Amino acid sequence: MLDWAHSMTLRAVADGDCDDSPALRTLVATGLVEQEPDGACTVTAAGRLALEADAPPLWERIVYPVAGVCAGVYVIATVIAWVT
């Protein structure tokens, strides 16, 4: 399981962005990313597996936004009821 910074950096490298950062250097050291001498980066097979394992399941991608919207509607309704 990757932490937030490493997950975002690995996704950025997979999308073609290879900005030097401490997270990128850690990913190179752990073998999830290969860095060429010219500075180009590629995600290794282990890095692709880590990306797949780090992807949230479908229910998380659906439930969390819906719960957030419901909570927001509840708060707004509560404030309107309190004010009126």
N, C-alpha and C. Protein backbone atom coordinates (compact mmCIF):
# COMPACT_ATOMS: atom_id res chain seq x y z
N MET A 1 0.86 -1.18 0.00
CA MET A 1 0.00 0.00 0.00
C MET A 1 0.90 1.24 0.00
N LEU A 2 0.62 2.12 -0.91
CA LEU A 2 1.40 3.35 -1.03
C LEU A 2 0.72 4.47 -0.25
N ASP A 3 1.54 5.37 0.28
CA ASP A 3 0.94 6.55 0.91
C ASP A 3 0.51 7.51 -0.20
N TRP A 4 -0.13 8.60 0.20
CA TRP A 4 -0.71 9.53 -0.76
C TRP A 4 0.33 10.10 -1.72
N ALA A 5 1.46 10.56 -1.19
CA ALA A 5 2.47 11.22 -2.03
C ALA A 5 3.06 10.24 -3.05
N HIS A 6 3.35 9.03 -2.62
CA HIS A 6 3.94 8.06 -3.53
C HIS A 6 2.91 7.58 -4.56
N SER A 7 1.67 7.43 -4.15
CA SER A 7 0.62 7.02 -5.08
C SER A 7 0.43 8.08 -6.16
N MET A 8 0.37 9.34 -5.76
CA MET A 8 0.19 10.42 -6.74
C MET A 8 1.40 10.54 -7.67
N THR A 9 2.59 10.37 -7.13
CA THR A 9 3.80 10.45 -7.96
C THR A 9 3.84 9.29 -8.94
N LEU A 10 3.49 8.08 -8.49
CA LEU A 10 3.49 6.93 -9.38
C LEU A 10 2.45 7.10 -10.48
N ARG A 11 1.30 7.64 -10.15
CA ARG A 11 0.28 7.90 -11.17
C ARG A 11 0.76 8.97 -12.16
N ALA A 12 1.47 9.98 -11.66
CA ALA A 12 2.00 11.03 -12.54
C ALA A 12 3.04 10.44 -13.51
N VAL A 13 3.90 9.57 -13.01
CA VAL A 13 4.90 8.94 -13.89
C VAL A 13 4.19 8.08 -14.93
N ALA A 14 3.14 7.37 -14.52
CA ALA A 14 2.40 6.54 -15.47
C ALA A 14 1.75 7.41 -16.55
N ASP A 15 1.40 8.65 -16.20
CA ASP A 15 0.80 9.58 -17.16
C ASP A 15 1.84 10.35 -17.97
N GLY A 16 3.12 10.11 -17.71
CA GLY A 16 4.18 10.74 -18.49
C GLY A 16 4.88 11.91 -17.83
N ASP A 17 4.54 12.23 -16.60
CA ASP A 17 5.17 13.34 -15.89
C ASP A 17 6.29 12.80 -15.00
N CYS A 18 7.48 13.36 -15.12
CA CYS A 18 8.62 12.84 -14.38
C CYS A 18 9.38 14.00 -13.71
N ASP A 19 8.70 14.68 -12.79
CA ASP A 19 9.35 15.76 -12.06
C ASP A 19 10.11 15.19 -10.88
N ASP A 20 11.34 15.65 -10.69
CA ASP A 20 12.18 15.15 -9.60
C ASP A 20 11.59 15.57 -8.25
N SER A 21 11.47 14.61 -7.36
CA SER A 21 10.94 14.86 -6.03
C SER A 21 11.44 13.77 -5.10
N PRO A 22 11.35 13.99 -3.79
CA PRO A 22 11.74 12.91 -2.87
C PRO A 22 10.90 11.64 -3.07
N ALA A 23 9.62 11.80 -3.37
CA ALA A 23 8.76 10.64 -3.60
C ALA A 23 9.21 9.86 -4.83
N LEU A 24 9.60 10.58 -5.89
CA LEU A 24 10.09 9.91 -7.10
C LEU A 24 11.38 9.15 -6.80
N ARG A 25 12.28 9.77 -6.06
CA ARG A 25 13.53 9.09 -5.72
C ARG A 25 13.28 7.83 -4.89
N THR A 26 12.28 7.86 -4.02
CA THR A 26 11.93 6.67 -3.24
C THR A 26 11.35 5.59 -4.15
N LEU A 27 10.51 5.98 -5.09
CA LEU A 27 9.95 5.00 -6.02
C LEU A 27 11.02 4.36 -6.89
N VAL A 28 12.02 5.14 -7.28
CA VAL A 28 13.14 4.60 -8.06
C VAL A 28 13.95 3.63 -7.18
N ALA A 29 14.19 4.01 -5.93
CA ALA A 29 14.97 3.16 -5.03
C ALA A 29 14.27 1.84 -4.72
N THR A 30 12.94 1.85 -4.68
CA THR A 30 12.20 0.63 -4.38
C THR A 30 11.92 -0.21 -5.63
N GLY A 31 12.26 0.30 -6.80
CA GLY A 31 12.10 -0.47 -8.03
C GLY A 31 10.74 -0.35 -8.67
N LEU A 32 9.93 0.60 -8.24
CA LEU A 32 8.62 0.79 -8.85
C LEU A 32 8.70 1.66 -10.09
N VAL A 33 9.77 2.45 -10.18
CA VAL A 33 9.99 3.34 -11.33
C VAL A 33 11.44 3.20 -11.76
N GLU A 34 11.66 3.19 -13.08
CA GLU A 34 13.02 3.22 -13.62
C GLU A 34 13.28 4.61 -14.17
N GLN A 35 14.45 5.16 -13.85
CA GLN A 35 14.80 6.48 -14.35
C GLN A 35 16.03 6.35 -15.24
N GLU A 36 15.91 6.83 -16.46
CA GLU A 36 17.00 6.78 -17.42
C GLU A 36 18.00 7.90 -17.12
N PRO A 37 19.23 7.78 -17.62
CA PRO A 37 20.21 8.84 -17.40
C PRO A 37 19.78 10.20 -17.95
N ASP A 38 18.95 10.19 -18.99
CA ASP A 38 18.49 11.46 -19.56
C ASP A 38 17.34 12.07 -18.77
N GLY A 39 16.88 11.38 -17.71
CA GLY A 39 15.82 11.91 -16.86
C GLY A 39 14.45 11.36 -17.12
N ALA A 40 14.29 10.58 -18.19
CA ALA A 40 12.98 9.99 -18.50
C ALA A 40 12.66 8.88 -17.49
N CYS A 41 11.39 8.74 -17.17
CA CYS A 41 10.95 7.76 -16.18
C CYS A 41 9.93 6.82 -16.79
N THR A 42 9.97 5.56 -16.36
CA THR A 42 8.96 4.58 -16.76
C THR A 42 8.55 3.78 -15.54
N VAL A 43 7.31 3.37 -15.53
CA VAL A 43 6.79 2.54 -14.44
C VAL A 43 7.17 1.10 -14.73
N THR A 44 7.73 0.41 -13.75
CA THR A 44 8.11 -0.99 -13.92
C THR A 44 6.89 -1.89 -13.76
N ALA A 45 7.08 -3.18 -13.98
CA ALA A 45 5.98 -4.14 -13.79
C ALA A 45 5.51 -4.12 -12.34
N ALA A 46 6.44 -4.03 -11.40
CA ALA A 46 6.06 -3.94 -9.99
C ALA A 46 5.29 -2.65 -9.71
N GLY A 47 5.65 -1.58 -10.39
CA GLY A 47 4.94 -0.32 -10.23
C GLY A 47 3.52 -0.40 -10.76
N ARG A 48 3.34 -1.10 -11.90
CA ARG A 48 1.99 -1.28 -12.44
C ARG A 48 1.13 -2.11 -11.48
N LEU A 49 1.73 -3.14 -10.87
CA LEU A 49 0.99 -3.93 -9.88
C LEU A 49 0.62 -3.08 -8.67
N ALA A 50 1.53 -2.22 -8.24
CA ALA A 50 1.23 -1.34 -7.11
C ALA A 50 0.11 -0.37 -7.44
N LEU A 51 0.09 0.13 -8.68
CA LEU A 51 -1.00 1.02 -9.10
C LEU A 51 -2.34 0.29 -9.10
N GLU A 52 -2.35 -0.95 -9.59
CA GLU A 52 -3.59 -1.72 -9.61
C GLU A 52 -4.07 -2.03 -8.19
N ALA A 53 -3.13 -2.36 -7.31
CA ALA A 53 -3.50 -2.69 -5.93
C ALA A 53 -3.95 -1.46 -5.16
N ASP A 54 -3.48 -0.29 -5.58
CA ASP A 54 -3.80 0.95 -4.87
C ASP A 54 -5.10 1.58 -5.34
N ALA A 55 -5.66 1.10 -6.44
CA ALA A 55 -6.90 1.68 -6.97
C ALA A 55 -8.05 1.38 -6.02
N PRO A 56 -8.84 2.37 -5.68
CA PRO A 56 -9.96 2.12 -4.77
C PRO A 56 -11.02 1.26 -5.46
N PRO A 57 -11.69 0.41 -4.70
CA PRO A 57 -12.75 -0.40 -5.31
C PRO A 57 -13.92 0.46 -5.76
N LEU A 58 -14.75 -0.11 -6.59
CA LEU A 58 -15.88 0.61 -7.17
C LEU A 58 -16.80 1.18 -6.10
N TRP A 59 -17.07 0.41 -5.05
CA TRP A 59 -18.01 0.89 -4.03
C TRP A 59 -17.47 2.14 -3.34
N GLU A 60 -16.15 2.24 -3.15
CA GLU A 60 -15.58 3.45 -2.53
C GLU A 60 -15.73 4.66 -3.45
N ARG A 61 -15.55 4.44 -4.75
CA ARG A 61 -15.66 5.54 -5.69
C ARG A 61 -17.09 6.04 -5.80
N ILE A 62 -18.07 5.22 -5.45
CA ILE A 62 -19.48 5.62 -5.51
C ILE A 62 -19.97 6.13 -4.16
N VAL A 63 -19.68 5.39 -3.09
CA VAL A 63 -20.26 5.69 -1.78
C VAL A 63 -19.75 7.00 -1.20
N TYR A 64 -18.45 7.25 -1.26
CA TYR A 64 -17.90 8.45 -0.64
C TYR A 64 -18.44 9.75 -1.25
N PRO A 65 -18.49 9.89 -2.57
CA PRO A 65 -19.10 11.12 -3.11
C PRO A 65 -20.58 11.26 -2.76
N VAL A 66 -21.32 10.16 -2.81
CA VAL A 66 -22.75 10.22 -2.48
C VAL A 66 -22.94 10.61 -1.01
N ALA A 67 -22.14 10.00 -0.12
CA ALA A 67 -22.23 10.33 1.30
C ALA A 67 -21.86 11.80 1.54
N GLY A 68 -20.88 12.30 0.81
CA GLY A 68 -20.50 13.71 0.94
C GLY A 68 -21.61 14.65 0.51
N VAL A 69 -22.27 14.33 -0.59
CA VAL A 69 -23.38 15.17 -1.06
C VAL A 69 -24.52 15.12 -0.05
N CYS A 70 -24.84 13.92 0.45
CA CYS A 70 -25.93 13.79 1.44
C CYS A 70 -25.62 14.59 2.71
N ALA A 71 -24.39 14.51 3.16
CA ALA A 71 -24.01 15.27 4.36
C ALA A 71 -24.12 16.77 4.11
N GLY A 72 -23.71 17.21 2.93
CA GLY A 72 -23.83 18.63 2.60
C GLY A 72 -25.26 19.09 2.55
N VAL A 73 -26.13 18.30 1.95
CA VAL A 73 -27.56 18.64 1.89
C VAL A 73 -28.15 18.68 3.29
N TYR A 74 -27.77 17.73 4.14
CA TYR A 74 -28.27 17.70 5.51
C TYR A 74 -27.84 18.95 6.29
N VAL A 75 -26.57 19.34 6.13
CA VAL A 75 -26.07 20.53 6.83
C VAL A 75 -26.80 21.77 6.35
N ILE A 76 -26.97 21.91 5.05
CA ILE A 76 -27.66 23.09 4.52
C ILE A 76 -29.11 23.11 4.99
N ALA A 77 -29.79 21.97 4.96
CA ALA A 77 -31.17 21.91 5.42
C ALA A 77 -31.29 22.24 6.90
N THR A 78 -30.33 21.79 7.70
CA THR A 78 -30.32 22.06 9.12
C THR A 78 -30.13 23.56 9.38
N VAL A 79 -29.21 24.17 8.67
CA VAL A 79 -28.98 25.60 8.82
C VAL A 79 -30.20 26.40 8.39
N ILE A 80 -30.81 26.02 7.29
CA ILE A 80 -32.02 26.73 6.83
C ILE A 80 -33.14 26.58 7.86
N ALA A 81 -33.32 25.38 8.39
CA ALA A 81 -34.37 25.17 9.41
C ALA A 81 -34.06 25.96 10.68
N TRP A 82 -32.79 26.07 11.04
CA TRP A 82 -32.40 26.79 12.25
C TRP A 82 -32.62 28.30 12.09
N VAL A 83 -32.31 28.81 10.89
CA VAL A 83 -32.39 30.24 10.63
C VAL A 83 -33.86 30.68 10.50
N THR A 84 -34.71 29.86 9.94
CA THR A 84 -36.10 30.29 9.71
C THR A 84 -37.00 29.97 10.87
